[in-house]
Each structure stands twice: as structure tokens, then as C-alpha cells.
Amino acid sequence: MKENIDEHITLNTWNKKNNLPIFLRNNYSFYEMTILETRCVLVEVIHEMPNIDQLQKHIKQIKNLTDLHIVLFYKAITRYRRKSLIENRIAFVIEDGQMYLPFLGLDLKKAPEHVDKETKLFTTPAQIAYLYFLYHKDEVVNITEFADKMGFNKMTASRALNNLYHANLITYEIAGKTGRSKEYRRIPDPDYFKNGQAYLKTPVRKIIYTKTKPVGALTAGLDALAGLSMLNSPGHPVLALDRNQLNKEQIEVVNNNDLIKDAKLVELELWDYDPKLFSNKHHVDLVSLYATLKEETDERIEQALEEVLRGESWYRD
């Protein structure tokens, strides 16, 4: 903030914090801040990130002790949370330089000092190919064999394998009876996962809510991660299903937002590929799970994901 707004900004411990309820003191740190000659209370979120309704209640309790403006401080937040804060005119500052201070008329988004070339994500067939080789480390296949295994036509299989080849994730040798067939194999661990993870995209095309669990759906999302780690359960089932199978199931979709919030409905992720392609367990495969959650900014989710992946031979430390 000194760099972007006010080089004379001051920050000190807020002397009224001990008058707050214990649960607020346990979940936030409090500072008195003066910015552009305006005093306010900077409230740092240090534990579980509350939802917008809880935030408003907490801010109201803090305001009962002071007539100063309240500003939230986050190390990182999702785009959805940032949008909801702005919609509710809740002031905030993010560690990367973004801030929304409506009482000062400020809405700043940090401009990057340089722009890195964006990594192009896998196409769905390329991601399927990547996962196939990940879980079949010693496999050697030509285009025809790979197309048969994955249910692709030869053109789709060829494009998927070429994508992996140009990303330096697989190599090939010329072999076969005619001496013209390309036989593909992947690079060794742990480089295969390490070099490929940046190309992974979430397989989730859409999320819907239902009252019943579809037959054959696998546990997914935070529900799956909670079952594999020490992370707390989300409190409702999260399942994954190939989006092309949705019409084959007798599923009653719930669209009532109030009911979705109040009832513990089944959260159903509709995927771009069949979650059972790479899993013979009750939950989705680990790398697809990683792809659905890798953009989460909650440190507990990041730690749980790392804990789960670390036990695999293909994972890098």
C-alpha cells in the first residue's frame, strides 16, 4: 500500500481487540491503520475463511466497538470471493496489491510488471492421454492401439499424442512390421508429472445439485480429498459423473438456490471425460482430483493435496 497509495501509511496493533469475543480474536488479527489521513481497522483473516453472511455479522460486531472503517486483509482470495466482497461494499486488501477501499474511492487491481507467456492447457483428449501414460508408466503404444484403448478415432488419438510429444512428455521410436509405425512411451518419473501438471485443466464442465446419488458416480472434490486426508468434510456428498451419461440417469436437478443452501444436497460434478476411466476405487483418480482443486487458494486444501500426492511414485517432492 505504501508503493501504490500512501508512503506515510501507519499500522499498529488495535487497542480495542481484547474487547471482542474470543472466537473473533482466534480467527482474525487486528490492526489500526491510517491511510490518506483516514483511520480504519485492518482485519486479517488468519484461519477458516468465513462466508459472506458470516463476514457481515463479524464486521457488525467489530463496528459496535468503533466508528472506524473496517478493512479485511487476505493473502489470497478467489475471483468469486472478491466479486462478492465488492458487491456487498466490503473493503479489502490482498497481499498481491489488489484493494477495494470504497470509503476512499479506491478500486485498484495490481498491474503485472511483466506478462509471462500463458501455458496452453491440454485439450480433453490430450489430458486423457496424459493420464493414461501417467498410470501406465511402462506402456508403449502406437496410434491405432491407443485409439482402440481410449475409444478415439485415429485422428483424435494422433492429435492427443502429438500434443504430449510437443510438450516433451512422451517420445517415440519408429517400429512395426512396415518400419513406419510410431511407438510412444512417456518420459520417466518424476519429470512426467512435474512437467505436465501446468497443462492440466479441470475436467468439471458444470456443477448441478440433486437429491439422490446417481448410480456409478464416484466421490470427488473436497469430499474425496477429505476421505483421503485429514481435511474436514464439506458436509455434503460431492460426486463426479461423465456429462454424457447425465441423460441416461434418472436425476432430479434442484435449481432452487435457497434449498441448495439449506439442504445437504448431492453436489454433482459433470466431467468432460468418464471419471471411471482411471479409477477402480470409490473416488476419482488423484491427478484428476488435483486438476479440479489446484486453483484453490485455501492453504489447508493445498496441504491436503500435497499430502495425498506425495505418496505416489510419480509425484515430485
Protein backbone atom coordinates (compact mmCIF):
# COMPACT_ATOMS: atom_id res chain seq x y z
CA MET A 1 0.00 0.00 0.00
CA LYS A 2 2.96 2.32 0.56
CA GLU A 3 4.02 1.69 -3.03
CA ASN A 4 0.55 2.11 -4.50
CA ILE A 5 -1.31 4.59 -2.29
CA ASP A 6 0.34 6.35 0.63
CA GLU A 7 4.00 6.25 1.64
CA HIS A 8 3.05 7.70 5.05
CA ILE A 9 0.69 4.87 5.95
CA THR A 10 0.88 3.70 9.59
CA LEU A 11 -0.02 0.33 11.09
CA ASN A 12 -0.27 -0.53 14.79
CA THR A 13 -1.95 -3.11 16.99
CA TRP A 14 -5.60 -2.17 17.60
CA ASN A 15 -6.00 -1.41 21.30
CA LYS A 16 -9.67 -2.45 21.50
CA LYS A 17 -9.26 -6.01 20.20
CA ASN A 18 -9.38 -7.52 23.71
CA ASN A 19 -12.99 -6.34 23.99
CA LEU A 20 -14.02 -8.65 21.17
CA PRO A 21 -15.42 -12.19 21.63
CA ILE A 22 -12.80 -14.93 21.85
CA PHE A 23 -13.86 -16.58 18.58
CA LEU A 24 -13.17 -13.34 16.68
CA ARG A 25 -9.76 -12.95 18.30
CA ASN A 26 -8.95 -16.55 17.40
CA ASN A 27 -9.87 -16.15 13.73
CA TYR A 28 -8.57 -12.65 12.97
CA SER A 29 -5.65 -10.35 13.74
CA PHE A 30 -6.50 -6.66 14.28
CA TYR A 31 -4.51 -3.51 13.46
CA GLU A 32 -5.25 0.19 13.45
CA MET A 33 -4.27 1.68 10.10
CA THR A 34 -4.09 5.27 8.94
CA ILE A 35 -4.16 5.68 5.18
CA LEU A 36 -4.50 9.04 3.40
CA GLU A 37 -5.18 10.55 6.83
CA THR A 38 -8.15 8.20 7.33
CA ARG A 39 -8.12 5.84 10.31
CA CYS A 40 -9.51 2.34 9.94
CA VAL A 41 -9.25 -1.14 11.44
CA LEU A 42 -7.36 -3.69 9.32
CA VAL A 43 -8.71 -7.19 10.00
CA GLU A 44 -6.52 -10.06 8.84
CA VAL A 45 -8.20 -13.42 8.19
CA ILE A 46 -5.89 -16.00 9.79
CA HIS A 47 -7.93 -19.18 9.95
CA GLU A 48 -11.02 -20.53 8.19
CA MET A 49 -12.32 -18.15 5.56
CA PRO A 50 -15.94 -17.32 6.53
CA ASN A 51 -18.75 -16.99 4.02
CA ILE A 52 -20.15 -13.59 3.12
CA ASP A 53 -23.02 -13.76 5.64
CA GLN A 54 -20.66 -14.62 8.49
CA LEU A 55 -18.30 -11.85 7.41
CA GLN A 56 -21.06 -9.27 7.58
CA LYS A 57 -22.02 -10.42 11.09
CA HIS A 58 -18.39 -10.29 12.25
CA ILE A 59 -17.89 -6.82 10.78
CA LYS A 60 -21.04 -5.64 12.56
CA GLN A 61 -19.68 -6.92 15.89
CA ILE A 62 -16.38 -5.11 15.32
CA LYS A 63 -18.18 -1.90 14.36
CA ASN A 64 -20.02 -1.99 17.68
CA LEU A 65 -16.66 -1.16 19.32
CA THR A 66 -15.50 1.55 16.95
CA ASP A 67 -16.64 4.17 14.48
CA LEU A 68 -13.64 3.45 12.23
CA HIS A 69 -13.86 1.90 8.77
CA ILE A 70 -13.26 -1.87 8.64
CA VAL A 71 -10.85 -3.28 6.00
CA LEU A 72 -10.27 -7.00 5.51
CA PHE A 73 -6.80 -8.30 4.64
CA TYR A 74 -6.28 -11.53 2.70
CA LYS A 75 -3.12 -13.21 1.48
CA ALA A 76 -5.15 -14.52 -1.46
CA ILE A 77 -8.82 -14.95 -2.40
CA THR A 78 -10.78 -16.43 -5.29
CA ARG A 79 -12.32 -14.29 -8.01
CA TYR A 80 -15.75 -15.31 -6.72
CA ARG A 81 -14.98 -14.10 -3.18
CA ARG A 82 -13.51 -10.84 -4.49
CA LYS A 83 -16.66 -10.22 -6.53
CA SER A 84 -18.95 -10.94 -3.57
CA LEU A 85 -16.98 -8.54 -1.33
CA ILE A 86 -17.27 -5.74 -3.88
CA GLU A 87 -20.99 -6.42 -4.41
CA ASN A 88 -21.51 -6.06 -0.66
CA ARG A 89 -19.23 -2.99 -0.47
CA ILE A 90 -16.88 -4.68 2.00
CA ALA A 91 -13.44 -3.04 1.93
CA PHE A 92 -10.48 -5.36 1.44
CA VAL A 93 -6.76 -5.51 0.64
CA ILE A 94 -5.00 -8.51 -0.93
CA GLU A 95 -1.30 -9.20 -0.43
CA ASP A 96 -0.60 -9.04 -4.18
CA GLY A 97 -1.60 -5.35 -4.29
CA GLN A 98 -5.27 -5.55 -5.21
CA MET A 99 -7.53 -3.48 -2.98
CA TYR A 100 -11.05 -2.14 -2.72
CA LEU A 101 -11.45 0.82 -0.35
CA PRO A 102 -14.82 2.39 -1.19
CA PHE A 103 -14.60 4.95 1.64
CA LEU A 104 -11.54 6.35 -0.16
CA GLY A 105 -12.95 5.85 -3.65
CA LEU A 106 -10.23 3.30 -4.47
CA ASP A 107 -10.60 0.14 -6.53
CA LEU A 108 -7.12 -0.93 -7.59
CA LYS A 109 -6.06 -4.06 -9.40
CA LYS A 110 -2.35 -4.70 -9.42
CA ALA A 111 -0.81 -4.44 -12.87
CA PRO A 112 1.83 -7.09 -13.54
CA GLU A 113 5.37 -5.87 -14.13
CA HIS A 114 5.75 -8.41 -16.92
CA VAL A 115 3.49 -10.82 -18.73
CA ASP A 116 4.59 -14.44 -18.94
CA LYS A 117 3.56 -16.47 -21.92
CA GLU A 118 0.38 -18.27 -20.93
CA THR A 119 0.66 -22.02 -20.72
CA LYS A 120 -1.75 -23.66 -23.12
CA LEU A 121 -3.90 -26.21 -21.31
CA PHE A 122 -4.47 -29.75 -22.52
CA THR A 123 -7.39 -30.49 -24.77
CA THR A 124 -9.68 -33.13 -23.27
CA PRO A 125 -8.24 -35.95 -25.45
CA ALA A 126 -4.67 -34.81 -24.62
CA GLN A 127 -5.46 -34.82 -20.91
CA ILE A 128 -6.90 -38.32 -21.21
CA ALA A 129 -3.70 -39.36 -22.99
CA TYR A 130 -1.59 -37.73 -20.28
CA LEU A 131 -3.48 -39.57 -17.54
CA TYR A 132 -3.26 -42.86 -19.44
CA PHE A 133 0.53 -42.69 -19.63
CA LEU A 134 0.80 -41.47 -16.04
CA TYR A 135 -1.00 -44.54 -14.72
CA HIS A 136 0.64 -46.93 -17.23
CA LYS A 137 4.27 -45.90 -16.89
CA ASP A 138 5.74 -48.78 -18.90
CA GLU A 139 3.16 -48.73 -21.69
CA VAL A 140 4.31 -48.48 -25.31
CA VAL A 141 1.53 -47.86 -27.86
CA ASN A 142 1.08 -46.79 -31.45
CA ILE A 143 -1.76 -44.56 -32.63
CA THR A 144 -4.06 -47.42 -33.58
CA GLU A 145 -3.60 -49.21 -30.26
CA PHE A 146 -4.10 -46.02 -28.30
CA ALA A 147 -7.27 -45.14 -30.26
CA ASP A 148 -8.71 -48.59 -29.50
CA LYS A 149 -7.90 -48.36 -25.79
CA MET A 150 -9.44 -44.89 -25.35
CA GLY A 151 -12.33 -45.21 -27.80
CA PHE A 152 -10.95 -42.42 -30.00
CA ASN A 153 -10.85 -42.28 -33.77
CA LYS A 154 -7.32 -42.32 -35.21
CA MET A 155 -7.25 -38.58 -35.92
CA THR A 156 -8.20 -37.69 -32.33
CA ALA A 157 -5.66 -40.18 -30.97
CA SER A 158 -2.94 -38.78 -33.24
CA ARG A 159 -3.63 -35.18 -32.15
CA ALA A 160 -3.63 -36.12 -28.48
CA LEU A 161 -0.30 -37.93 -28.76
CA ASN A 162 1.20 -35.08 -30.78
CA ASN A 163 0.18 -32.63 -28.05
CA LEU A 164 2.05 -34.67 -25.47
CA TYR A 165 5.04 -35.08 -27.78
CA HIS A 166 5.32 -31.32 -28.43
CA ALA A 167 5.09 -30.74 -24.67
CA ASN A 168 8.13 -33.07 -24.31
CA LEU A 169 6.13 -35.52 -22.19
CA ILE A 170 6.39 -38.55 -24.49
CA THR A 171 8.89 -39.82 -27.04
CA TYR A 172 8.56 -42.28 -29.90
CA GLU A 173 10.55 -44.80 -31.88
CA ILE A 174 9.86 -45.97 -35.43
CA ALA A 175 8.98 -49.68 -35.36
CA GLY A 176 6.33 -52.15 -36.50
CA LYS A 177 6.18 -54.58 -39.39
CA THR A 178 6.34 -51.83 -42.00
CA GLY A 179 9.03 -49.89 -40.18
CA ARG A 180 6.84 -46.78 -40.27
CA SER A 181 4.75 -47.03 -37.09
CA LYS A 182 5.47 -44.59 -34.26
CA GLU A 183 5.52 -46.31 -30.87
CA TYR A 184 5.09 -43.89 -27.98
CA ARG A 185 6.26 -44.08 -24.38
CA ARG A 186 6.37 -41.45 -21.67
CA ILE A 187 9.36 -39.81 -20.04
CA PRO A 188 10.43 -41.15 -16.61
CA ASP A 189 9.17 -40.17 -13.16
CA PRO A 190 9.08 -37.68 -11.54
CA ASP A 191 9.53 -35.40 -14.57
CA TYR A 192 6.40 -36.69 -16.30
CA PHE A 193 4.04 -35.36 -13.63
CA LYS A 194 6.19 -32.34 -12.77
CA ASN A 195 6.40 -31.13 -16.39
CA GLY A 196 2.80 -31.96 -17.24
CA GLN A 197 0.91 -30.56 -14.25
CA ALA A 198 0.93 -26.99 -15.62
CA TYR A 199 -1.09 -28.16 -18.65
CA LEU A 200 -3.80 -29.85 -16.58
CA LYS A 201 -7.28 -28.32 -16.76
CA THR A 202 -10.24 -29.04 -14.55
CA PRO A 203 -12.42 -31.77 -16.07
CA VAL A 204 -15.50 -30.23 -14.45
CA ARG A 205 -17.75 -28.76 -17.14
CA LYS A 206 -20.70 -27.96 -14.87
CA ILE A 207 -21.92 -28.46 -11.29
CA ILE A 208 -25.53 -29.34 -10.52
CA TYR A 209 -27.34 -30.33 -7.32
CA THR A 210 -29.57 -33.36 -6.82
CA LYS A 211 -31.42 -35.10 -4.01
CA THR A 212 -30.17 -38.58 -4.92
CA LYS A 213 -26.79 -40.10 -5.74
CA PRO A 214 -26.52 -41.19 -9.38
CA VAL A 215 -25.61 -44.84 -9.86
CA GLY A 216 -21.94 -45.26 -10.76
CA ALA A 217 -20.83 -41.76 -9.78
CA LEU A 218 -17.51 -41.52 -7.93
CA THR A 219 -16.71 -39.42 -4.87
CA ALA A 220 -14.97 -36.22 -5.97
CA GLY A 221 -13.89 -32.71 -4.99
CA LEU A 222 -13.45 -31.80 -1.34
CA ASP A 223 -15.46 -34.85 -0.30
CA ALA A 224 -12.87 -37.15 -1.92
CA LEU A 225 -9.96 -35.12 -0.58
CA ALA A 226 -11.42 -35.26 2.95
CA GLY A 227 -11.66 -39.05 2.71
CA LEU A 228 -8.00 -39.30 1.67
CA SER A 229 -6.54 -36.79 4.13
CA MET A 230 -7.13 -35.03 7.45
CA LEU A 231 -9.18 -32.28 5.77
CA ASN A 232 -12.66 -31.72 7.19
CA SER A 233 -15.58 -33.00 5.14
CA PRO A 234 -17.57 -30.35 3.22
CA GLY A 235 -20.71 -31.64 4.97
CA HIS A 236 -22.46 -32.89 1.83
CA PRO A 237 -21.67 -35.53 -0.83
CA VAL A 238 -19.63 -34.44 -3.85
CA LEU A 239 -19.74 -36.84 -6.80
CA ALA A 240 -18.44 -36.89 -10.38
CA LEU A 241 -20.13 -38.22 -13.49
CA ASP A 242 -19.35 -38.15 -17.21
CA ARG A 243 -21.54 -35.33 -18.54
CA ASN A 244 -22.58 -37.53 -21.46
CA GLN A 245 -24.11 -40.01 -19.02
CA LEU A 246 -26.39 -37.45 -17.39
CA ASN A 247 -29.33 -38.11 -19.69
CA LYS A 248 -29.05 -41.83 -19.05
CA GLU A 249 -29.66 -41.35 -15.33
CA GLN A 250 -32.93 -40.59 -13.61
CA ILE A 251 -31.69 -37.41 -11.92
CA GLU A 252 -33.86 -34.71 -10.45
CA VAL A 253 -31.90 -31.47 -10.72
CA VAL A 254 -32.53 -28.91 -7.95
CA ASN A 255 -32.39 -25.29 -9.11
CA ASN A 256 -33.82 -23.60 -6.01
CA ASN A 257 -30.89 -21.61 -4.58
CA ASP A 258 -32.43 -21.42 -1.10
CA LEU A 259 -32.88 -25.18 -0.98
CA ILE A 260 -29.33 -25.70 -2.25
CA LYS A 261 -28.01 -23.53 0.60
CA ASP A 262 -30.14 -25.06 3.34
CA ALA A 263 -30.29 -28.75 2.45
CA LYS A 264 -27.33 -31.12 2.28
CA LEU A 265 -27.85 -31.97 -1.37
CA VAL A 266 -25.58 -34.01 -3.58
CA GLU A 267 -23.13 -31.76 -5.43
CA LEU A 268 -22.68 -33.42 -8.82
CA GLU A 269 -19.70 -32.51 -11.00
CA LEU A 270 -20.29 -33.16 -14.69
CA TRP A 271 -16.95 -34.06 -16.27
CA ASP A 272 -15.60 -33.82 -19.81
CA TYR A 273 -14.49 -37.46 -19.56
CA ASP A 274 -15.61 -40.52 -17.65
CA PRO A 275 -14.16 -40.36 -14.09
CA LYS A 276 -14.05 -44.17 -14.08
CA LEU A 277 -11.52 -44.25 -16.94
CA PHE A 278 -8.64 -44.05 -14.47
CA SER A 279 -10.14 -45.18 -11.19
CA ASN A 280 -11.23 -48.58 -9.93
CA LYS A 281 -11.97 -47.18 -6.47
CA HIS A 282 -14.92 -45.32 -4.99
CA HIS A 283 -13.24 -41.96 -5.61
CA VAL A 284 -11.89 -40.24 -8.73
CA ASP A 285 -8.24 -40.66 -9.69
CA LEU A 286 -5.75 -38.49 -7.82
CA VAL A 287 -4.48 -36.37 -10.70
CA SER A 288 -7.97 -35.56 -11.95
CA LEU A 289 -8.84 -34.65 -8.35
CA TYR A 290 -5.75 -32.42 -8.28
CA ALA A 291 -6.84 -30.78 -11.54
CA THR A 292 -10.27 -29.92 -10.08
CA LEU A 293 -8.79 -28.35 -6.92
CA LYS A 294 -5.41 -26.92 -7.94
CA GLU A 295 -6.76 -23.37 -8.27
CA GLU A 296 -8.00 -23.35 -4.66
CA THR A 297 -6.18 -20.78 -2.52
CA ASP A 298 -7.02 -22.27 0.88
CA GLU A 299 -3.71 -23.42 2.40
CA ARG A 300 -5.39 -26.40 4.08
CA ILE A 301 -6.61 -27.69 0.72
CA GLU A 302 -3.17 -27.16 -0.82
CA GLN A 303 -1.51 -29.04 2.07
CA ALA A 304 -4.03 -31.89 1.90
CA LEU A 305 -3.49 -32.25 -1.86
CA GLU A 306 0.27 -32.36 -1.42
CA GLU A 307 -0.09 -34.90 1.38
CA VAL A 308 -2.19 -37.19 -0.83
CA LEU A 309 0.03 -36.86 -3.91
CA ARG A 310 3.29 -37.29 -2.01
CA GLY A 311 2.61 -40.99 -1.52
CA GLU A 312 2.65 -41.69 -5.26
CA SER A 313 5.78 -42.88 -7.08
CA TRP A 314 5.29 -40.38 -9.92
CA TYR A 315 4.98 -37.35 -7.64
CA ARG A 316 7.89 -34.96 -7.19
CA ASP A 317 8.96 -33.64 -3.77
